[in-house]
């Protein structure tokens, strides 16, 4: 891509000295190393983990990518070499400086950008619903012949689990959770979400909706900032912890104390954590909506 003036887009206003953006790179790498240390240790030892692995298997962003720092669009990096902070077609370089160019966003990413921005905006404007109590994980093993985490025992006998699911009010509105329900469990759900109706169904009280902020943030890397992606990842890590502690699996040997949603106390605990996750997710969603909105405008302007 030919070099252009860093003043050619409204987004490129903030300038960072080399010492400042190098410090941000270092801080980001240290933050991600702290969050992914257990996962990387497991990988080196060829060990599987039913909680942490999900964040790098269901979500397709590699740990090495997560560790890579990007300023996002709108930041000029002063005195940046040709491969600094890393080599990518999104960077425009001129006069020894580098910045992420929104006009370099490929056409397929622009299409995704508009969809993601619309989905997040619809979710943000919808009131949160609580009280699902994480029953989606139970619906995934209801009358199941095989389980995803076959290595790990259930906290109750299968017959007892099946009766508990049948006596419960399942209200899962998230398609990517619902699609893993067993065939027998799907008719028990109040909603029947599809991929096509995600914009109509996503709501900010849902654990998986809030966990997916990580996915929507990294989908547009490096145009979205690594700080925002790291915030979303940290929330996803906490949310996944809650999700699996409330599941029917017994993960106490891994240090995960169960949230026993089959009891009144457990349901209260889950509801409080669900509200806390919703609270933490709100500013991340709003920042992501603003960031994507700017990208939509400036990528189309090019």
C-alpha atoms as a PDB file:
ATOM      1  CA  UNK A   1       0.000   0.000   0.000  1.00  0.00           C
ATOM      2  CA  UNK A   2       1.450   3.430  -0.893  1.00  0.00           C
ATOM      3  CA  UNK A   3       2.358   5.730   1.931  1.00  0.00           C
ATOM      4  CA  UNK A   4      -0.081   8.519   2.790  1.00  0.00           C
ATOM      5  CA  UNK A   5      -0.283  11.328   5.269  1.00  0.00           C
ATOM      6  CA  UNK A   6      -1.231  10.249   8.779  1.00  0.00           C
ATOM      7  CA  UNK A   7      -3.558  13.283   8.803  1.00  0.00           C
ATOM      8  CA  UNK A   8      -5.707  11.887   5.959  1.00  0.00           C
ATOM      9  CA  UNK A   9      -8.245  10.340   8.325  1.00  0.00           C
ATOM     10  CA  UNK A  10     -10.044  11.796  11.324  1.00  0.00           C
ATOM     11  CA  UNK A  11      -9.252   8.634  13.256  1.00  0.00           C
ATOM     12  CA  UNK A  12      -5.484   9.209  13.308  1.00  0.00           C
ATOM     13  CA  UNK A  13      -5.382  12.030  15.830  1.00  0.00           C
ATOM     14  CA  UNK A  14      -3.503  10.618  18.835  1.00  0.00           C
ATOM     15  CA  UNK A  15       0.260  10.336  18.583  1.00  0.00           C
ATOM     16  CA  UNK A  16       2.387   8.091  20.783  1.00  0.00           C
ATOM     17  CA  UNK A  17       6.108   8.544  21.211  1.00  0.00           C
ATOM     18  CA  UNK A  18       8.240   5.476  20.675  1.00  0.00           C
ATOM     19  CA  UNK A  19       8.916   5.130  24.399  1.00  0.00           C
ATOM     20  CA  UNK A  20       5.184   5.282  25.146  1.00  0.00           C
ATOM     21  CA  UNK A  21       4.040   2.715  22.601  1.00  0.00           C
ATOM     22  CA  UNK A  22       6.925   0.405  23.524  1.00  0.00           C
ATOM     23  CA  UNK A  23       5.760   0.620  27.148  1.00  0.00           C
ATOM     24  CA  UNK A  24       2.217  -0.270  26.062  1.00  0.00           C
ATOM     25  CA  UNK A  25       3.535  -3.269  24.133  1.00  0.00           C
ATOM     26  CA  UNK A  26       5.409  -4.489  27.200  1.00  0.00           C
ATOM     27  CA  UNK A  27       2.443  -3.918  29.530  1.00  0.00           C
ATOM     28  CA  UNK A  28       0.103  -5.757  27.177  1.00  0.00           C
ATOM     29  CA  UNK A  29       2.394  -8.768  26.839  1.00  0.00           C
ATOM     30  CA  UNK A  30       2.789  -8.990  30.624  1.00  0.00           C
ATOM     31  CA  UNK A  31      -0.984  -8.767  31.102  1.00  0.00           C
ATOM     32  CA  UNK A  32      -1.708 -11.540  28.605  1.00  0.00           C
ATOM     33  CA  UNK A  33       1.057 -13.744  29.999  1.00  0.00           C
ATOM     34  CA  UNK A  34      -0.569 -13.419  33.419  1.00  0.00           C
ATOM     35  CA  UNK A  35      -3.987 -14.373  32.052  1.00  0.00           C
ATOM     36  CA  UNK A  36      -2.873 -17.286  29.854  1.00  0.00           C
ATOM     37  CA  UNK A  37      -0.091 -18.794  31.977  1.00  0.00           C
ATOM     38  CA  UNK A  38      -2.099 -21.885  32.975  1.00  0.00           C
ATOM     39  CA  UNK A  39      -3.163 -22.539  29.389  1.00  0.00           C
ATOM     40  CA  UNK A  40       0.381 -22.271  28.062  1.00  0.00           C
ATOM     41  CA  UNK A  41       1.675 -24.578  30.809  1.00  0.00           C
ATOM     42  CA  UNK A  42      -0.994 -27.149  29.928  1.00  0.00           C
ATOM     43  CA  UNK A  43      -0.075 -26.934  26.254  1.00  0.00           C
ATOM     44  CA  UNK A  44       3.600 -27.561  26.977  1.00  0.00           C
ATOM     45  CA  UNK A  45       2.618 -30.590  29.075  1.00  0.00           C
ATOM     46  CA  UNK A  46       0.055 -31.837  26.509  1.00  0.00           C
ATOM     47  CA  UNK A  47      -2.683 -31.597  29.119  1.00  0.00           C
ATOM     48  CA  UNK A  48      -6.357 -30.876  28.425  1.00  0.00           C
ATOM     49  CA  UNK A  49      -8.422 -28.486  30.539  1.00  0.00           C
ATOM     50  CA  UNK A  50     -12.256 -28.445  30.351  1.00  0.00           C
ATOM     51  CA  UNK A  51     -12.542 -24.767  31.330  1.00  0.00           C
ATOM     52  CA  UNK A  52      -9.611 -22.855  29.841  1.00  0.00           C
ATOM     53  CA  UNK A  53      -9.237 -24.725  26.526  1.00  0.00           C
ATOM     54  CA  UNK A  54     -12.669 -23.502  25.452  1.00  0.00           C
ATOM     55  CA  UNK A  55     -11.312 -19.959  25.122  1.00  0.00           C
ATOM     56  CA  UNK A  56      -8.820 -21.092  22.469  1.00  0.00           C
ATOM     57  CA  UNK A  57     -10.855 -23.783  20.722  1.00  0.00           C
ATOM     58  CA  UNK A  58     -14.418 -22.490  20.506  1.00  0.00           C
ATOM     59  CA  UNK A  59     -12.864 -19.054  20.014  1.00  0.00           C
ATOM     60  CA  UNK A  60     -10.361 -19.154  17.172  1.00  0.00           C
ATOM     61  CA  UNK A  61      -7.938 -16.420  18.290  1.00  0.00           C
ATOM     62  CA  UNK A  62      -4.581 -18.007  19.099  1.00  0.00           C
ATOM     63  CA  UNK A  63      -2.772 -17.137  22.300  1.00  0.00           C
ATOM     64  CA  UNK A  64       0.109 -15.753  20.227  1.00  0.00           C
ATOM     65  CA  UNK A  65      -2.303 -13.373  18.476  1.00  0.00           C
ATOM     66  CA  UNK A  66      -3.838 -12.340  21.773  1.00  0.00           C
ATOM     67  CA  UNK A  67      -0.340 -11.441  22.997  1.00  0.00           C
ATOM     68  CA  UNK A  68       0.366  -9.299  19.923  1.00  0.00           C
ATOM     69  CA  UNK A  69      -0.199  -5.592  20.600  1.00  0.00           C
ATOM     70  CA  UNK A  70      -2.072  -3.315  18.240  1.00  0.00           C
ATOM     71  CA  UNK A  71      -2.963   0.312  18.913  1.00  0.00           C
ATOM     72  CA  UNK A  72      -6.178  -0.009  16.936  1.00  0.00           C
ATOM     73  CA  UNK A  73      -7.277   2.621  14.441  1.00  0.00           C
ATOM     74  CA  UNK A  74      -6.717   6.232  15.398  1.00  0.00           C
ATOM     75  CA  UNK A  75      -3.215   6.049  16.922  1.00  0.00           C
ATOM     76  CA  UNK A  76      -0.004   7.216  15.245  1.00  0.00           C
ATOM     77  CA  UNK A  77       3.123   5.407  16.424  1.00  0.00           C
ATOM     78  CA  UNK A  78       6.139   7.639  16.141  1.00  0.00           C
ATOM     79  CA  UNK A  79       9.534   6.323  15.008  1.00  0.00           C
ATOM     80  CA  UNK A  80       8.193   2.887  14.097  1.00  0.00           C
ATOM     81  CA  UNK A  81      10.331   0.628  11.923  1.00  0.00           C
ATOM     82  CA  UNK A  82       8.949  -1.176   8.844  1.00  0.00           C
ATOM     83  CA  UNK A  83       7.934  -4.254  10.863  1.00  0.00           C
ATOM     84  CA  UNK A  84       7.000  -2.474  14.113  1.00  0.00           C
ATOM     85  CA  UNK A  85       5.041  -3.176  16.217  1.00  0.00           C
ATOM     86  CA  UNK A  86       4.436  -5.973  13.694  1.00  0.00           C
ATOM     87  CA  UNK A  87       4.107  -6.351   9.943  1.00  0.00           C
ATOM     88  CA  UNK A  88       0.528  -6.186   8.651  1.00  0.00           C
ATOM     89  CA  UNK A  89      -1.185  -4.736   5.579  1.00  0.00           C
ATOM     90  CA  UNK A  90      -3.395  -2.650   7.875  1.00  0.00           C
ATOM     91  CA  UNK A  91      -0.447  -0.420   8.771  1.00  0.00           C
ATOM     92  CA  UNK A  92       0.288   2.674   6.708  1.00  0.00           C
ATOM     93  CA  UNK A  93       3.753   4.101   7.201  1.00  0.00           C
ATOM     94  CA  UNK A  94       5.109   7.528   6.456  1.00  0.00           C
ATOM     95  CA  UNK A  95       7.925   9.736   7.742  1.00  0.00           C
ATOM     96  CA  UNK A  96       9.065   6.975  10.095  1.00  0.00           C
ATOM     97  CA  UNK A  97       5.618   6.679  11.714  1.00  0.00           C
ATOM     98  CA  UNK A  98       2.973   3.945  11.531  1.00  0.00           C
ATOM     99  CA  UNK A  99      -0.788   3.826  12.009  1.00  0.00           C
ATOM    100  CA  UNK A 100      -3.652   1.422  11.379  1.00  0.00           C
ATOM    101  CA  UNK A 101      -5.490   2.572   8.265  1.00  0.00           C
ATOM    102  CA  UNK A 102      -9.292   1.999   8.318  1.00  0.00           C
ATOM    103  CA  UNK A 103      -9.312   2.172   4.517  1.00  0.00           C
ATOM    104  CA  UNK A 104      -7.177  -0.996   4.465  1.00  0.00           C
ATOM    105  CA  UNK A 105     -10.075  -2.997   5.904  1.00  0.00           C
ATOM    106  CA  UNK A 106     -10.819  -5.787   3.358  1.00  0.00           C
ATOM    107  CA  UNK A 107     -14.292  -5.980   1.839  1.00  0.00           C
ATOM    108  CA  UNK A 108     -15.214  -9.191   3.690  1.00  0.00           C
ATOM    109  CA  UNK A 109     -14.234  -7.579   6.991  1.00  0.00           C
ATOM    110  CA  UNK A 110     -16.342  -4.508   6.163  1.00  0.00           C
ATOM    111  CA  UNK A 111     -19.388  -6.723   5.705  1.00  0.00           C
ATOM    112  CA  UNK A 112     -18.707  -8.416   9.039  1.00  0.00           C
ATOM    113  CA  UNK A 113     -18.147  -5.029  10.647  1.00  0.00           C
ATOM    114  CA  UNK A 114     -21.640  -3.774   9.814  1.00  0.00           C
ATOM    115  CA  UNK A 115     -23.259  -6.984  11.086  1.00  0.00           C
ATOM    116  CA  UNK A 116     -21.308  -7.017  14.361  1.00  0.00           C
ATOM    117  CA  UNK A 117     -22.013  -3.332  15.009  1.00  0.00           C
ATOM    118  CA  UNK A 118     -25.751  -3.908  14.453  1.00  0.00           C
ATOM    119  CA  UNK A 119     -25.827  -6.983  16.680  1.00  0.00           C
ATOM    120  CA  UNK A 120     -24.030  -5.230  19.537  1.00  0.00           C
ATOM    121  CA  UNK A 121     -26.193  -2.132  19.256  1.00  0.00           C
ATOM    122  CA  UNK A 122     -29.385  -4.220  19.359  1.00  0.00           C
ATOM    123  CA  UNK A 123     -28.088  -6.113  22.399  1.00  0.00           C
ATOM    124  CA  UNK A 124     -27.091  -2.925  24.180  1.00  0.00           C
ATOM    125  CA  UNK A 125     -30.577  -1.444  23.729  1.00  0.00           C
ATOM    126  CA  UNK A 126     -32.361  -4.506  25.096  1.00  0.00           C
ATOM    127  CA  UNK A 127     -33.086  -4.898  28.827  1.00  0.00           C
ATOM    128  CA  UNK A 128     -31.120  -7.727  30.493  1.00  0.00           C
ATOM    129  CA  UNK A 129     -32.876 -10.904  31.567  1.00  0.00           C
ATOM    130  CA  UNK A 130     -31.581 -12.940  34.469  1.00  0.00           C
ATOM    131  CA  UNK A 131     -32.709 -16.167  36.060  1.00  0.00           C
ATOM    132  CA  UNK A 132     -31.595 -18.755  33.478  1.00  0.00           C
ATOM    133  CA  UNK A 133     -29.270 -20.226  36.154  1.00  0.00           C
ATOM    134  CA  UNK A 134     -26.880 -21.684  33.592  1.00  0.00           C
ATOM    135  CA  UNK A 135     -29.224 -24.499  32.634  1.00  0.00           C
ATOM    136  CA  UNK A 136     -27.832 -24.530  29.097  1.00  0.00           C
ATOM    137  CA  UNK A 137     -24.910 -26.667  30.329  1.00  0.00           C
ATOM    138  CA  UNK A 138     -27.349 -29.105  31.890  1.00  0.00           C
ATOM    139  CA  UNK A 139     -29.384 -29.264  28.671  1.00  0.00           C
ATOM    140  CA  UNK A 140     -26.207 -30.305  26.859  1.00  0.00           C
ATOM    141  CA  UNK A 141     -25.983 -33.508  28.917  1.00  0.00           C
ATOM    142  CA  UNK A 142     -29.706 -34.201  29.357  1.00  0.00           C
ATOM    143  CA  UNK A 143     -30.345 -37.840  28.348  1.00  0.00           C
ATOM    144  CA  UNK A 144     -26.955 -37.797  26.654  1.00  0.00           C
ATOM    145  CA  UNK A 145     -25.206 -40.956  25.559  1.00  0.00           C
ATOM    146  CA  UNK A 146     -21.867 -39.155  25.395  1.00  0.00           C
ATOM    147  CA  UNK A 147     -20.666 -35.915  26.957  1.00  0.00           C
ATOM    148  CA  UNK A 148     -18.201 -33.290  25.738  1.00  0.00           C
ATOM    149  CA  UNK A 149     -16.150 -33.633  28.920  1.00  0.00           C
ATOM    150  CA  UNK A 150     -16.325 -37.392  29.249  1.00  0.00           C
ATOM    151  CA  UNK A 151     -13.239 -37.426  31.469  1.00  0.00           C
ATOM    152  CA  UNK A 152     -14.956 -35.438  34.217  1.00  0.00           C
ATOM    153  CA  UNK A 153     -17.732 -36.883  36.399  1.00  0.00           C
ATOM    154  CA  UNK A 154     -21.159 -35.378  36.882  1.00  0.00           C
ATOM    155  CA  UNK A 155     -22.173 -34.001  40.263  1.00  0.00           C
ATOM    156  CA  UNK A 156     -25.240 -36.229  40.352  1.00  0.00           C
ATOM    157  CA  UNK A 157     -26.465 -39.451  38.799  1.00  0.00           C
ATOM    158  CA  UNK A 158     -27.715 -39.153  35.214  1.00  0.00           C
ATOM    159  CA  UNK A 159     -31.288 -40.071  36.183  1.00  0.00           C
ATOM    160  CA  UNK A 160     -31.336 -37.385  38.872  1.00  0.00           C
ATOM    161  CA  UNK A 161     -29.889 -34.866  36.445  1.00  0.00           C
ATOM    162  CA  UNK A 162     -32.547 -35.689  33.848  1.00  0.00           C
ATOM    163  CA  UNK A 163     -35.351 -35.238  36.382  1.00  0.00           C
ATOM    164  CA  UNK A 164     -33.877 -31.909  37.504  1.00  0.00           C
ATOM    165  CA  UNK A 165     -33.757 -30.625  33.917  1.00  0.00           C
ATOM    166  CA  UNK A 166     -37.340 -31.728  33.307  1.00  0.00           C
ATOM    167  CA  UNK A 167     -38.511 -29.884  36.430  1.00  0.00           C
ATOM    168  CA  UNK A 168     -36.689 -26.667  35.465  1.00  0.00           C
ATOM    169  CA  UNK A 169     -37.654 -23.655  33.382  1.00  0.00           C
ATOM    170  CA  UNK A 170     -35.067 -23.481  30.582  1.00  0.00           C
ATOM    171  CA  UNK A 171     -34.918 -20.031  28.976  1.00  0.00           C
ATOM    172  CA  UNK A 172     -31.776 -20.015  26.831  1.00  0.00           C
ATOM    173  CA  UNK A 173     -31.859 -17.333  24.106  1.00  0.00           C
ATOM    174  CA  UNK A 174     -28.307 -17.788  22.799  1.00  0.00           C
ATOM    175  CA  UNK A 175     -28.032 -19.756  19.573  1.00  0.00           C
ATOM    176  CA  UNK A 176     -24.451 -20.931  20.020  1.00  0.00           C
ATOM    177  CA  UNK A 177     -25.409 -22.469  23.360  1.00  0.00           C
ATOM    178  CA  UNK A 178     -28.786 -23.811  22.202  1.00  0.00           C
ATOM    179  CA  UNK A 179     -27.269 -25.621  19.218  1.00  0.00           C
ATOM    180  CA  UNK A 180     -25.325 -27.871  21.608  1.00  0.00           C
ATOM    181  CA  UNK A 181     -28.457 -28.984  23.478  1.00  0.00           C
ATOM    182  CA  UNK A 182     -29.218 -32.655  23.169  1.00  0.00           C
ATOM    183  CA  UNK A 183     -32.086 -33.501  20.830  1.00  0.00           C
ATOM    184  CA  UNK A 184     -34.212 -34.388  23.839  1.00  0.00           C
ATOM    185  CA  UNK A 185     -33.525 -31.053  25.550  1.00  0.00           C
ATOM    186  CA  UNK A 186     -34.374 -28.676  22.710  1.00  0.00           C
ATOM    187  CA  UNK A 187     -38.166 -28.967  23.054  1.00  0.00           C
ATOM    188  CA  UNK A 188     -37.826 -28.085  26.767  1.00  0.00           C
ATOM    189  CA  UNK A 189     -36.379 -24.643  25.999  1.00  0.00           C
ATOM    190  CA  UNK A 190     -38.691 -21.626  26.000  1.00  0.00           C
ATOM    191  CA  UNK A 191     -36.870 -20.133  23.001  1.00  0.00           C
ATOM    192  CA  UNK A 192     -35.716 -21.670  19.747  1.00  0.00           C
ATOM    193  CA  UNK A 193     -32.974 -19.283  18.617  1.00  0.00           C
ATOM    194  CA  UNK A 194     -31.350 -19.583  15.199  1.00  0.00           C
ATOM    195  CA  UNK A 195     -28.297 -17.949  13.712  1.00  0.00           C
ATOM    196  CA  UNK A 196     -30.607 -15.810  11.582  1.00  0.00           C
ATOM    197  CA  UNK A 197     -32.460 -14.474  14.636  1.00  0.00           C
ATOM    198  CA  UNK A 198     -29.420 -13.630  16.765  1.00  0.00           C
ATOM    199  CA  UNK A 199     -29.965  -9.888  16.430  1.00  0.00           C
ATOM    200  CA  UNK A 200     -33.519 -10.324  17.747  1.00  0.00           C
ATOM    201  CA  UNK A 201     -32.553 -12.686  20.588  1.00  0.00           C
ATOM    202  CA  UNK A 202     -29.239 -11.539  22.070  1.00  0.00           C
ATOM    203  CA  UNK A 203     -29.652  -9.854  25.441  1.00  0.00           C
ATOM    204  CA  UNK A 204     -27.058  -8.342  27.817  1.00  0.00           C
ATOM    205  CA  UNK A 205     -27.847 -10.584  30.786  1.00  0.00           C
ATOM    206  CA  UNK A 206     -26.737 -13.727  28.928  1.00  0.00           C
ATOM    207  CA  UNK A 207     -23.374 -15.159  29.973  1.00  0.00           C
ATOM    208  CA  UNK A 208     -22.551 -16.377  26.473  1.00  0.00           C
ATOM    209  CA  UNK A 209     -23.544 -13.079  24.879  1.00  0.00           C
ATOM    210  CA  UNK A 210     -21.129 -11.299  27.198  1.00  0.00           C
ATOM    211  CA  UNK A 211     -18.416 -13.896  26.658  1.00  0.00           C
ATOM    212  CA  UNK A 212     -18.800 -13.351  22.905  1.00  0.00           C
ATOM    213  CA  UNK A 213     -17.690  -9.737  23.237  1.00  0.00           C
ATOM    214  CA  UNK A 214     -14.226 -11.263  23.039  1.00  0.00           C
ATOM    215  CA  UNK A 215     -15.056 -12.852  19.684  1.00  0.00           C
ATOM    216  CA  UNK A 216     -16.508  -9.657  18.226  1.00  0.00           C
ATOM    217  CA  UNK A 217     -13.479  -7.667  19.390  1.00  0.00           C
ATOM    218  CA  UNK A 218     -10.828  -9.973  17.924  1.00  0.00           C
ATOM    219  CA  UNK A 219     -12.725 -10.498  14.630  1.00  0.00           C
ATOM    220  CA  UNK A 220     -11.459  -7.073  13.556  1.00  0.00           C
ATOM    221  CA  UNK A 221      -7.899  -7.288  14.874  1.00  0.00           C
ATOM    222  CA  UNK A 222      -5.725  -5.264  14.343  1.00  0.00           C
ATOM    223  CA  UNK A 223      -8.274  -2.502  13.644  1.00  0.00           C
ATOM    224  CA  UNK A 224      -9.633  -2.935  17.170  1.00  0.00           C
ATOM    225  CA  UNK A 225      -7.148  -2.187  19.919  1.00  0.00           C
ATOM    226  CA  UNK A 226      -5.440  -4.974  21.839  1.00  0.00           C
ATOM    227  CA  UNK A 227      -6.407  -3.268  25.089  1.00  0.00           C
ATOM    228  CA  UNK A 228     -10.082  -3.682  24.226  1.00  0.00           C
ATOM    229  CA  UNK A 229      -9.536  -7.283  23.136  1.00  0.00           C
ATOM    230  CA  UNK A 230      -7.685  -8.013  26.393  1.00  0.00           C
ATOM    231  CA  UNK A 231     -10.528  -6.481  28.437  1.00  0.00           C
ATOM    232  CA  UNK A 232     -13.015  -8.706  26.604  1.00  0.00           C
ATOM    233  CA  UNK A 233     -10.792 -11.761  27.050  1.00  0.00           C
ATOM    234  CA  UNK A 234     -10.448 -11.144  30.782  1.00  0.00           C
ATOM    235  CA  UNK A 235     -14.232 -10.931  31.072  1.00  0.00           C
ATOM    236  CA  UNK A 236     -14.602 -14.127  29.006  1.00  0.00           C
ATOM    237  CA  UNK A 237     -12.148 -15.906  31.314  1.00  0.00           C
ATOM    238  CA  UNK A 238     -14.150 -14.924  34.397  1.00  0.00           C
ATOM    239  CA  UNK A 239     -17.451 -15.780  32.705  1.00  0.00           C
ATOM    240  CA  UNK A 240     -16.225 -19.195  31.588  1.00  0.00           C
ATOM    241  CA  UNK A 241     -15.226 -19.906  35.193  1.00  0.00           C
ATOM    242  CA  UNK A 242     -18.773 -19.118  36.380  1.00  0.00           C
ATOM    243  CA  UNK A 243     -20.309 -21.038  33.486  1.00  0.00           C
ATOM    244  CA  UNK A 244     -18.485 -24.272  34.277  1.00  0.00           C
ATOM    245  CA  UNK A 245     -18.799 -23.993  38.050  1.00  0.00           C
ATOM    246  CA  UNK A 246     -22.580 -23.856  37.545  1.00  0.00           C
ATOM    247  CA  UNK A 247     -22.499 -26.805  35.146  1.00  0.00           C
ATOM    248  CA  UNK A 248     -23.363 -30.378  36.192  1.00  0.00           C
ATOM    249  CA  UNK A 249     -19.690 -31.381  35.993  1.00  0.00           C
ATOM    250  CA  UNK A 250     -17.666 -31.989  39.135  1.00  0.00           C
ATOM    251  CA  UNK A 251     -14.470 -29.991  38.572  1.00  0.00           C
ATOM    252  CA  UNK A 252     -13.504 -29.703  42.227  1.00  0.00           C
ATOM    253  CA  UNK A 253     -10.255 -31.592  41.595  1.00  0.00           C
ATOM    254  CA  UNK A 254      -9.231 -28.676  39.359  1.00  0.00           C
ATOM    255  CA  UNK A 255     -10.048 -26.149  42.059  1.00  0.00           C
ATOM    256  CA  UNK A 256     -13.464 -25.071  40.731  1.00  0.00           C
ATOM    257  CA  UNK A 257     -15.946 -24.914  43.592  1.00  0.00           C
ATOM    258  CA  UNK A 258     -19.410 -25.764  42.245  1.00  0.00           C
ATOM    259  CA  UNK A 259     -22.264 -23.278  42.084  1.00  0.00           C
ATOM    260  CA  UNK A 260     -25.073 -25.726  42.938  1.00  0.00           C
ATOM    261  CA  UNK A 261     -27.950 -24.286  40.909  1.00  0.00           C
ATOM    262  CA  UNK A 262     -30.082 -27.244  41.977  1.00  0.00           C
ATOM    263  CA  UNK A 263     -30.387 -25.474  45.354  1.00  0.00           C
ATOM    264  CA  UNK A 264     -31.912 -22.117  46.324  1.00  0.00           C
ATOM    265  CA  UNK A 265     -28.555 -20.874  47.612  1.00  0.00           C
ATOM    266  CA  UNK A 266     -26.802 -21.888  44.410  1.00  0.00           C
ATOM    267  CA  UNK A 267     -29.359 -20.149  42.228  1.00  0.00           C
ATOM    268  CA  UNK A 268     -28.987 -16.979  44.285  1.00  0.00           C
ATOM    269  CA  UNK A 269     -25.203 -17.158  43.928  1.00  0.00           C
ATOM    270  CA  UNK A 270     -25.496 -17.663  40.176  1.00  0.00           C
ATOM    271  CA  UNK A 271     -27.921 -14.746  39.766  1.00  0.00           C
ATOM    272  CA  UNK A 272     -25.578 -12.411  41.649  1.00  0.00           C
ATOM    273  CA  UNK A 273     -22.641 -13.433  39.468  1.00  0.00           C
ATOM    274  CA  UNK A 274     -24.730 -13.091  36.313  1.00  0.00           C
ATOM    275  CA  UNK A 275     -25.615  -9.518  37.281  1.00  0.00           C
ATOM    276  CA  UNK A 276     -21.946  -8.787  38.009  1.00  0.00           C
ATOM    277  CA  UNK A 277     -20.893 -10.119  34.594  1.00  0.00           C
ATOM    278  CA  UNK A 278     -23.568  -7.976  32.927  1.00  0.00           C
ATOM    279  CA  UNK A 279     -22.254  -4.931  34.782  1.00  0.00           C
ATOM    280  CA  UNK A 280     -18.666  -5.614  33.709  1.00  0.00           C
ATOM    281  CA  UNK A 281     -19.683  -6.268  30.113  1.00  0.00           C
ATOM    282  CA  UNK A 282     -21.600  -3.006  29.607  1.00  0.00           C
ATOM    283  CA  UNK A 283     -18.615  -0.626  29.229  1.00  0.00           C
ATOM    284  CA  UNK A 284     -16.738  -3.125  27.037  1.00  0.00           C
ATOM    285  CA  UNK A 285     -19.762  -3.412  24.735  1.00  0.00           C
ATOM    286  CA  UNK A 286     -20.189   0.358  24.552  1.00  0.00           C
ATOM    287  CA  UNK A 287     -16.506   0.901  23.762  1.00  0.00           C
ATOM    288  CA  UNK A 288     -16.641  -1.784  21.093  1.00  0.00           C
ATOM    289  CA  UNK A 289     -19.789  -0.252  19.552  1.00  0.00           C
ATOM    290  CA  UNK A 290     -18.089   3.150  19.408  1.00  0.00           C
ATOM    291  CA  UNK A 291     -14.915   1.679  17.926  1.00  0.00           C
ATOM    292  CA  UNK A 292     -16.800  -0.289  15.279  1.00  0.00           C
ATOM    293  CA  UNK A 293     -19.005   2.692  14.472  1.00  0.00           C
ATOM    294  CA  UNK A 294     -15.922   4.775  13.720  1.00  0.00           C
ATOM    295  CA  UNK A 295     -14.526   2.003  11.562  1.00  0.00           C
ATOM    296  CA  UNK A 296     -17.793   1.641   9.630  1.00  0.00           C
ATOM    297  CA  UNK A 297     -17.819   5.366   8.868  1.00  0.00           C
ATOM    298  CA  UNK A 298     -14.159   5.751   7.931  1.00  0.00           C
ATOM    299  CA  UNK A 299     -13.750   2.498   6.011  1.00  0.00           C
ATOM    300  CA  UNK A 300     -16.757   3.396   3.849  1.00  0.00           C
ATOM    301  CA  UNK A 301     -15.484   6.947   3.425  1.00  0.00           C
ATOM    302  CA  UNK A 302     -12.412   5.518   1.684  1.00  0.00           C
END
